[in-house]
Amino acid sequence: MSDSNTQNPDTQTPISTPIETDAETEIGVMTPPEAASEQAPVGGSHARAGQAAYIRHSARMRKILLAVIIILILLVVAIGFVVFRLFDTASTAATQQTQVSDISTISEDEVSKDASSITTKRTTVPDLTALLGMTQDEVIATLQRGAQITSALEQNEEGNPVRWEIKISLTSEPSDGKSGTPTVYLSLNEEGRAIRCGYSAATSVLGYGSLSFSDAVKNEAIIEKTLAEAGLEVPVGSVELPADKMAYSSYGSDGTTLVREYCSFEGVGTANGVEHPWSAVLSYDYSAANATGNLADTVRIVYVYIDA
């Protein structure tokens, strides 16, 4: 007989043990839904604002840094350009000074060579005094030397007795290749007769080497000797250069490179006991010599003129 109050062990109701919960812990962990919903947006807004400020600051710093870099680059380029210009100017000045020094050095060497008679005389000056009073045809026949008229210019200046200026090249005469062939100049009056005769030639074909300008005039007496060959006696030593070299010297834009030496002279000489006015020019052109650095490229020409 079974007891109805007896329970089946398999169907016994489990005994639940109440779990005590710390009220303070529960309050600290649990967050009211309203508070949670209000606090979340506030924290996210501050983060985004801070991040935006950081981005703006970084962008500004990058711009400043870029500007500084550009300024530094421009500064370096400017300094480099200034240094280059200074170096280029110094190099140019040094080159020009070297050229002047080279010319001086070559001049001294060649002066000593001329003293050794290395330069030989290759032509003679025609007797200009003998041509005075001749017609141009008579002059050409007397000169020979391949004489050819290269220009004839009519003159109509009132009070001037000259009516024609004739230029005659002596084509069979030697030339140095830089100054052309020796040339005779005639000034004809109304009757067509020479009242003034002139002659020009490179100093080298007359036997003068690469003398300095002052040596040619003072020591070699190039003007007096050329006039003597032309038939006019002029005392040696009577032709003098101006005391101031600047009076017959021309310089380049740098103020130191000698470009030209040019001086005119005049006086009175005698031929067969008759006095004749004369004039002369000595010209040294250094343009080619400055370009090559070789004094031998200087163009040296002497001109003499004798009046009736």
Protein backbone atom coordinates (compact mmCIF):
# COMPACT_ATOMS: atom_id res chain seq x y z
CA MET A 1 0.00 0.00 0.00
CA SER A 2 1.55 3.10 -1.08
CA ASP A 3 1.50 6.22 0.80
CA SER A 4 -0.07 8.98 -1.26
CA ASN A 5 1.91 11.56 0.56
CA THR A 6 5.11 9.89 -0.35
CA GLN A 7 6.72 11.77 -3.28
CA ASN A 8 8.61 10.20 -6.05
CA PRO A 9 12.25 11.03 -5.73
CA ASP A 10 12.40 11.69 -9.45
CA THR A 11 9.69 14.30 -9.31
CA GLN A 12 10.85 16.24 -6.30
CA THR A 13 10.64 19.96 -6.67
CA PRO A 14 14.06 21.55 -6.44
CA ILE A 15 14.66 23.87 -3.58
CA SER A 16 15.58 27.33 -4.79
CA THR A 17 18.12 29.15 -2.73
CA PRO A 18 17.58 32.84 -2.67
CA ILE A 19 20.67 34.84 -4.04
CA GLU A 20 21.50 37.88 -2.08
CA THR A 21 22.38 40.85 -4.23
CA ASP A 22 24.38 43.73 -3.01
CA ALA A 23 22.18 46.73 -3.56
CA GLU A 24 25.15 49.11 -3.92
CA THR A 25 26.83 46.91 -6.55
CA GLU A 26 23.63 46.67 -8.49
CA ILE A 27 23.15 50.41 -8.39
CA GLY A 28 26.75 51.02 -9.58
CA VAL A 29 26.45 48.60 -12.50
CA MET A 30 23.00 49.37 -13.67
CA THR A 31 22.47 52.60 -15.58
CA PRO A 32 19.07 53.98 -16.17
CA PRO A 33 18.19 53.94 -19.81
CA GLU A 34 17.52 57.67 -19.80
CA ALA A 35 20.98 58.54 -18.44
CA ALA A 36 22.70 56.25 -20.91
CA SER A 37 20.85 57.77 -23.79
CA GLU A 38 21.81 61.30 -22.67
CA GLN A 39 25.54 60.69 -21.93
CA ALA A 40 26.54 58.88 -25.15
CA PRO A 41 26.12 61.83 -27.53
CA VAL A 42 28.05 64.21 -25.23
CA GLY A 43 31.21 62.05 -25.17
CA GLY A 44 31.23 61.54 -29.02
CA SER A 45 30.81 65.26 -29.75
CA HIS A 46 33.89 66.19 -27.70
CA ALA A 47 35.98 63.57 -29.45
CA ARG A 48 34.95 64.73 -32.90
CA ALA A 49 35.59 68.38 -32.00
CA GLY A 50 39.06 67.57 -30.69
CA GLN A 51 39.88 65.53 -33.76
CA ALA A 52 38.76 68.35 -36.10
CA ALA A 53 40.86 70.86 -34.18
CA TYR A 54 43.89 68.56 -34.46
CA ILE A 55 43.37 68.18 -38.22
CA ARG A 56 43.10 71.94 -38.67
CA HIS A 57 46.23 72.49 -36.60
CA SER A 58 48.14 69.86 -38.57
CA ALA A 59 47.06 71.35 -41.90
CA ARG A 60 48.12 74.81 -40.74
CA MET A 61 51.51 73.52 -39.61
CA ARG A 62 52.00 71.74 -42.93
CA LYS A 63 51.28 74.96 -44.81
CA ILE A 64 53.70 76.91 -42.62
CA LEU A 65 56.36 74.24 -43.07
CA LEU A 66 55.85 74.22 -46.84
CA ALA A 67 56.15 78.00 -46.99
CA VAL A 68 59.37 77.89 -44.96
CA ILE A 69 60.81 75.22 -47.26
CA ILE A 70 59.94 77.27 -50.36
CA ILE A 71 61.51 80.38 -48.85
CA LEU A 72 64.67 78.44 -48.00
CA ILE A 73 64.87 77.03 -51.53
CA LEU A 74 64.47 80.50 -53.05
CA LEU A 75 67.10 81.84 -50.67
CA VAL A 76 69.55 79.10 -51.63
CA VAL A 77 68.91 79.74 -55.34
CA ALA A 78 69.42 83.49 -54.87
CA ILE A 79 72.67 82.95 -52.97
CA GLY A 80 73.85 80.51 -55.63
CA PHE A 81 73.08 83.02 -58.39
CA VAL A 82 74.94 85.82 -56.60
CA VAL A 83 77.95 83.56 -56.01
CA PHE A 84 77.91 82.50 -59.69
CA ARG A 85 77.79 86.11 -60.87
CA LEU A 86 80.64 87.09 -58.58
CA PHE A 87 82.71 84.14 -59.78
CA ASP A 88 81.92 84.89 -63.42
CA THR A 89 82.86 88.56 -63.00
CA ALA A 90 86.08 87.63 -61.24
CA SER A 91 86.92 85.10 -63.97
CA THR A 92 86.27 87.64 -66.72
CA ALA A 93 88.42 90.25 -65.02
CA ALA A 94 91.18 87.70 -64.51
CA THR A 95 91.01 86.66 -68.18
CA GLN A 96 91.22 90.24 -69.35
CA GLN A 97 94.10 90.95 -67.00
CA THR A 98 95.86 87.82 -68.27
CA GLN A 99 95.41 88.97 -71.85
CA VAL A 100 96.92 92.36 -71.00
CA SER A 101 99.79 90.65 -69.19
CA ASP A 102 100.31 88.30 -72.13
CA ILE A 103 100.43 91.22 -74.52
CA SER A 104 103.01 92.97 -72.33
CA THR A 105 105.09 89.80 -72.10
CA ILE A 106 104.94 89.12 -75.83
CA SER A 107 105.81 92.75 -76.52
CA GLU A 108 109.00 92.50 -74.46
CA ASP A 109 110.03 89.25 -76.15
CA GLU A 110 109.38 90.55 -79.63
CA VAL A 111 111.19 93.83 -78.94
CA SER A 112 114.30 91.78 -78.19
CA LYS A 113 113.72 89.80 -81.40
CA ASP A 114 113.49 93.02 -83.41
CA ALA A 115 116.80 94.10 -81.89
CA SER A 116 118.23 90.93 -83.40
CA SER A 117 116.98 92.02 -86.86
CA ILE A 118 114.64 89.05 -87.26
CA THR A 119 112.10 91.24 -89.10
CA THR A 120 113.34 92.06 -92.60
CA LYS A 121 112.42 95.00 -94.76
CA ARG A 122 110.34 93.90 -97.75
CA THR A 123 109.54 97.14 -99.55
CA THR A 124 110.56 100.78 -99.80
CA VAL A 125 108.58 103.99 -99.54
CA PRO A 126 108.15 105.72 -102.93
CA ASP A 127 109.66 109.19 -103.35
CA LEU A 128 106.57 111.27 -102.68
CA THR A 129 108.33 114.59 -103.24
CA ALA A 130 109.04 113.50 -106.84
CA LEU A 131 105.32 112.88 -107.41
CA LEU A 132 104.30 116.42 -106.48
CA GLY A 133 103.07 118.31 -109.55
CA MET A 134 102.34 115.13 -111.57
CA THR A 135 98.98 114.05 -113.01
CA GLN A 136 97.50 110.77 -111.82
CA ASP A 137 98.53 109.01 -115.02
CA GLU A 138 102.11 110.23 -114.61
CA VAL A 139 102.08 109.09 -111.01
CA ILE A 140 100.90 105.58 -111.93
CA ALA A 141 103.57 105.31 -114.65
CA THR A 142 106.25 106.45 -112.22
CA LEU A 143 105.17 104.22 -109.36
CA GLN A 144 104.70 100.98 -111.32
CA ARG A 145 104.50 98.30 -108.51
CA GLY A 146 101.13 97.19 -109.87
CA ALA A 147 99.63 100.63 -109.17
CA GLN A 148 95.85 100.69 -109.62
CA ILE A 149 93.35 103.44 -108.80
CA THR A 150 90.88 102.06 -106.26
CA SER A 151 88.90 105.23 -105.54
CA ALA A 152 88.50 108.78 -106.87
CA LEU A 153 86.38 111.23 -104.89
CA GLU A 154 85.51 114.67 -106.19
CA GLN A 155 85.82 117.55 -103.70
CA ASN A 156 83.76 120.76 -103.93
CA GLU A 157 84.60 122.48 -100.67
CA GLU A 158 84.77 126.26 -101.10
CA GLY A 159 88.25 127.65 -100.50
CA ASN A 160 89.85 124.22 -100.72
CA PRO A 161 92.26 123.90 -103.68
CA VAL A 162 91.80 120.11 -103.72
CA ARG A 163 89.33 118.93 -106.35
CA TRP A 164 90.01 115.18 -106.38
CA GLU A 165 91.16 112.69 -103.77
CA ILE A 166 92.76 109.67 -105.47
CA LYS A 167 93.65 106.37 -103.81
CA ILE A 168 96.13 104.07 -105.57
CA SER A 169 96.89 100.54 -104.36
CA LEU A 170 100.31 99.05 -105.06
CA THR A 171 99.04 95.56 -105.77
CA SER A 172 102.44 93.97 -106.44
CA GLU A 173 103.80 95.12 -103.08
CA PRO A 174 103.99 92.67 -100.15
CA SER A 175 101.18 92.68 -97.59
CA ASP A 176 100.99 91.33 -94.04
CA GLY A 177 97.44 90.05 -94.61
CA LYS A 178 95.90 92.27 -91.92
CA SER A 179 96.45 95.85 -93.05
CA GLY A 180 96.10 95.44 -96.81
CA THR A 181 98.56 96.46 -99.50
CA PRO A 182 100.70 99.61 -99.39
CA THR A 183 98.76 102.58 -100.77
CA VAL A 184 99.53 105.99 -102.29
CA TYR A 185 97.18 108.97 -101.82
CA LEU A 186 96.96 111.95 -104.18
CA SER A 187 95.23 115.28 -103.73
CA LEU A 188 94.75 116.88 -107.15
CA ASN A 189 94.02 120.55 -107.86
CA GLU A 190 91.81 121.95 -110.63
CA GLU A 191 94.54 121.26 -113.22
CA GLY A 192 94.60 117.63 -112.12
CA ARG A 193 98.07 117.86 -110.62
CA ALA A 194 99.19 116.50 -107.26
CA ILE A 195 99.55 119.15 -104.58
CA ARG A 196 99.72 116.60 -101.79
CA CYS A 197 101.02 113.02 -101.80
CA GLY A 198 100.69 110.38 -99.12
CA TYR A 199 101.66 106.79 -98.43
CA SER A 200 100.58 104.07 -95.98
CA ALA A 201 101.87 100.59 -95.24
CA ALA A 202 102.08 98.04 -92.48
CA THR A 203 105.12 98.74 -90.31
CA SER A 204 106.18 95.10 -90.69
CA VAL A 205 106.75 95.34 -94.46
CA LEU A 206 108.94 98.39 -93.84
CA GLY A 207 111.17 96.33 -91.57
CA TYR A 208 109.75 97.28 -88.16
CA GLY A 209 108.83 94.35 -85.96
CA SER A 210 106.36 94.15 -83.10
CA LEU A 211 107.70 97.22 -81.35
CA SER A 212 105.71 98.90 -78.66
CA PHE A 213 104.06 102.14 -79.76
CA SER A 214 106.40 104.36 -77.76
CA ASP A 215 109.51 102.43 -78.88
CA ALA A 216 108.53 102.81 -82.52
CA VAL A 217 108.30 106.59 -82.15
CA LYS A 218 111.05 107.33 -79.63
CA ASN A 219 113.71 104.68 -80.21
CA GLU A 220 113.18 103.67 -83.85
CA ALA A 221 112.15 107.13 -85.14
CA ILE A 222 109.66 105.44 -87.47
CA ILE A 223 108.06 108.74 -88.58
CA GLU A 224 111.35 110.50 -89.42
CA LYS A 225 112.73 107.43 -91.25
CA THR A 226 109.56 106.91 -93.29
CA LEU A 227 109.53 110.58 -94.31
CA ALA A 228 113.21 110.35 -95.23
CA GLU A 229 112.45 107.41 -97.56
CA ALA A 230 109.64 109.53 -99.04
CA GLY A 231 112.21 112.20 -99.97
CA LEU A 232 111.76 114.63 -97.06
CA GLU A 233 114.46 115.40 -94.54
CA VAL A 234 113.20 115.64 -90.94
CA PRO A 235 115.64 115.76 -88.01
CA VAL A 236 115.67 112.45 -86.13
CA GLY A 237 114.29 112.92 -82.63
CA SER A 238 112.14 115.90 -83.58
CA VAL A 239 108.96 113.81 -83.52
CA GLU A 240 107.68 113.28 -79.99
CA LEU A 241 104.71 111.63 -78.34
CA PRO A 242 102.48 113.54 -75.90
CA ALA A 243 103.68 113.23 -72.31
CA ASP A 244 100.27 111.88 -71.29
CA LYS A 245 99.79 108.38 -72.70
CA MET A 246 96.01 108.79 -72.41
CA ALA A 247 96.22 111.36 -75.21
CA TYR A 248 96.88 108.61 -77.75
CA SER A 249 95.52 105.48 -76.01
CA SER A 250 91.99 104.05 -76.12
CA TYR A 251 90.73 101.46 -73.63
CA GLY A 252 87.83 99.03 -73.55
CA SER A 253 84.73 99.32 -71.40
CA ASP A 254 86.56 97.70 -68.47
CA GLY A 255 88.98 100.61 -68.39
CA THR A 256 92.08 98.38 -68.44
CA THR A 257 92.16 96.58 -71.82
CA LEU A 258 94.16 98.60 -74.35
CA VAL A 259 92.20 98.68 -77.61
CA ARG A 260 94.07 101.20 -79.74
CA GLU A 261 97.04 103.57 -79.83
CA TYR A 262 96.77 106.35 -82.39
CA CYS A 263 98.74 109.57 -82.71
CA SER A 264 99.09 112.21 -85.42
CA PHE A 265 102.16 114.37 -86.00
CA GLU A 266 103.04 117.33 -88.22
CA GLY A 267 105.92 119.57 -89.04
CA VAL A 268 108.08 121.00 -91.80
CA GLY A 269 110.87 119.23 -93.66
CA THR A 270 113.14 119.98 -96.59
CA ALA A 271 113.59 118.37 -100.01
CA ASN A 272 116.24 119.70 -102.40
CA GLY A 273 116.48 122.83 -100.30
CA VAL A 274 112.70 123.47 -100.44
CA GLU A 275 110.55 123.33 -97.33
CA HIS A 276 107.43 121.20 -97.39
CA PRO A 277 104.78 120.81 -94.69
CA TRP A 278 104.26 117.21 -93.68
CA SER A 279 101.88 115.20 -91.49
CA ALA A 280 101.93 111.62 -90.29
CA VAL A 281 99.91 109.10 -88.32
CA LEU A 282 100.95 105.98 -86.44
CA SER A 283 98.13 103.55 -85.64
CA TYR A 284 98.16 100.36 -83.55
CA ASP A 285 94.87 98.44 -83.41
CA TYR A 286 94.82 95.72 -80.70
CA SER A 287 91.29 94.40 -81.31
CA ALA A 288 92.39 91.15 -82.96
CA ALA A 289 95.32 90.73 -80.55
CA ASN A 290 93.00 91.02 -77.55
CA ALA A 291 90.72 88.37 -79.02
CA THR A 292 93.50 85.86 -79.68
CA GLY A 293 95.95 86.81 -76.95
CA ASN A 294 98.69 87.04 -79.61
CA LEU A 295 100.41 90.40 -80.05
CA ALA A 296 101.40 89.38 -83.58
CA ASP A 297 97.76 90.00 -84.57
CA THR A 298 98.08 93.72 -83.83
CA VAL A 299 97.44 95.87 -86.91
CA ARG A 300 100.26 98.45 -87.13
CA ILE A 301 100.12 101.04 -89.92
CA VAL A 302 102.14 104.19 -90.59
CA TYR A 303 100.86 107.06 -92.77
CA VAL A 304 102.90 109.99 -94.11
CA TYR A 305 101.79 112.97 -96.23
CA ILE A 306 103.85 115.67 -97.92
CA ASP A 307 102.39 118.95 -99.24
CA ALA A 308 103.78 120.93 -102.19
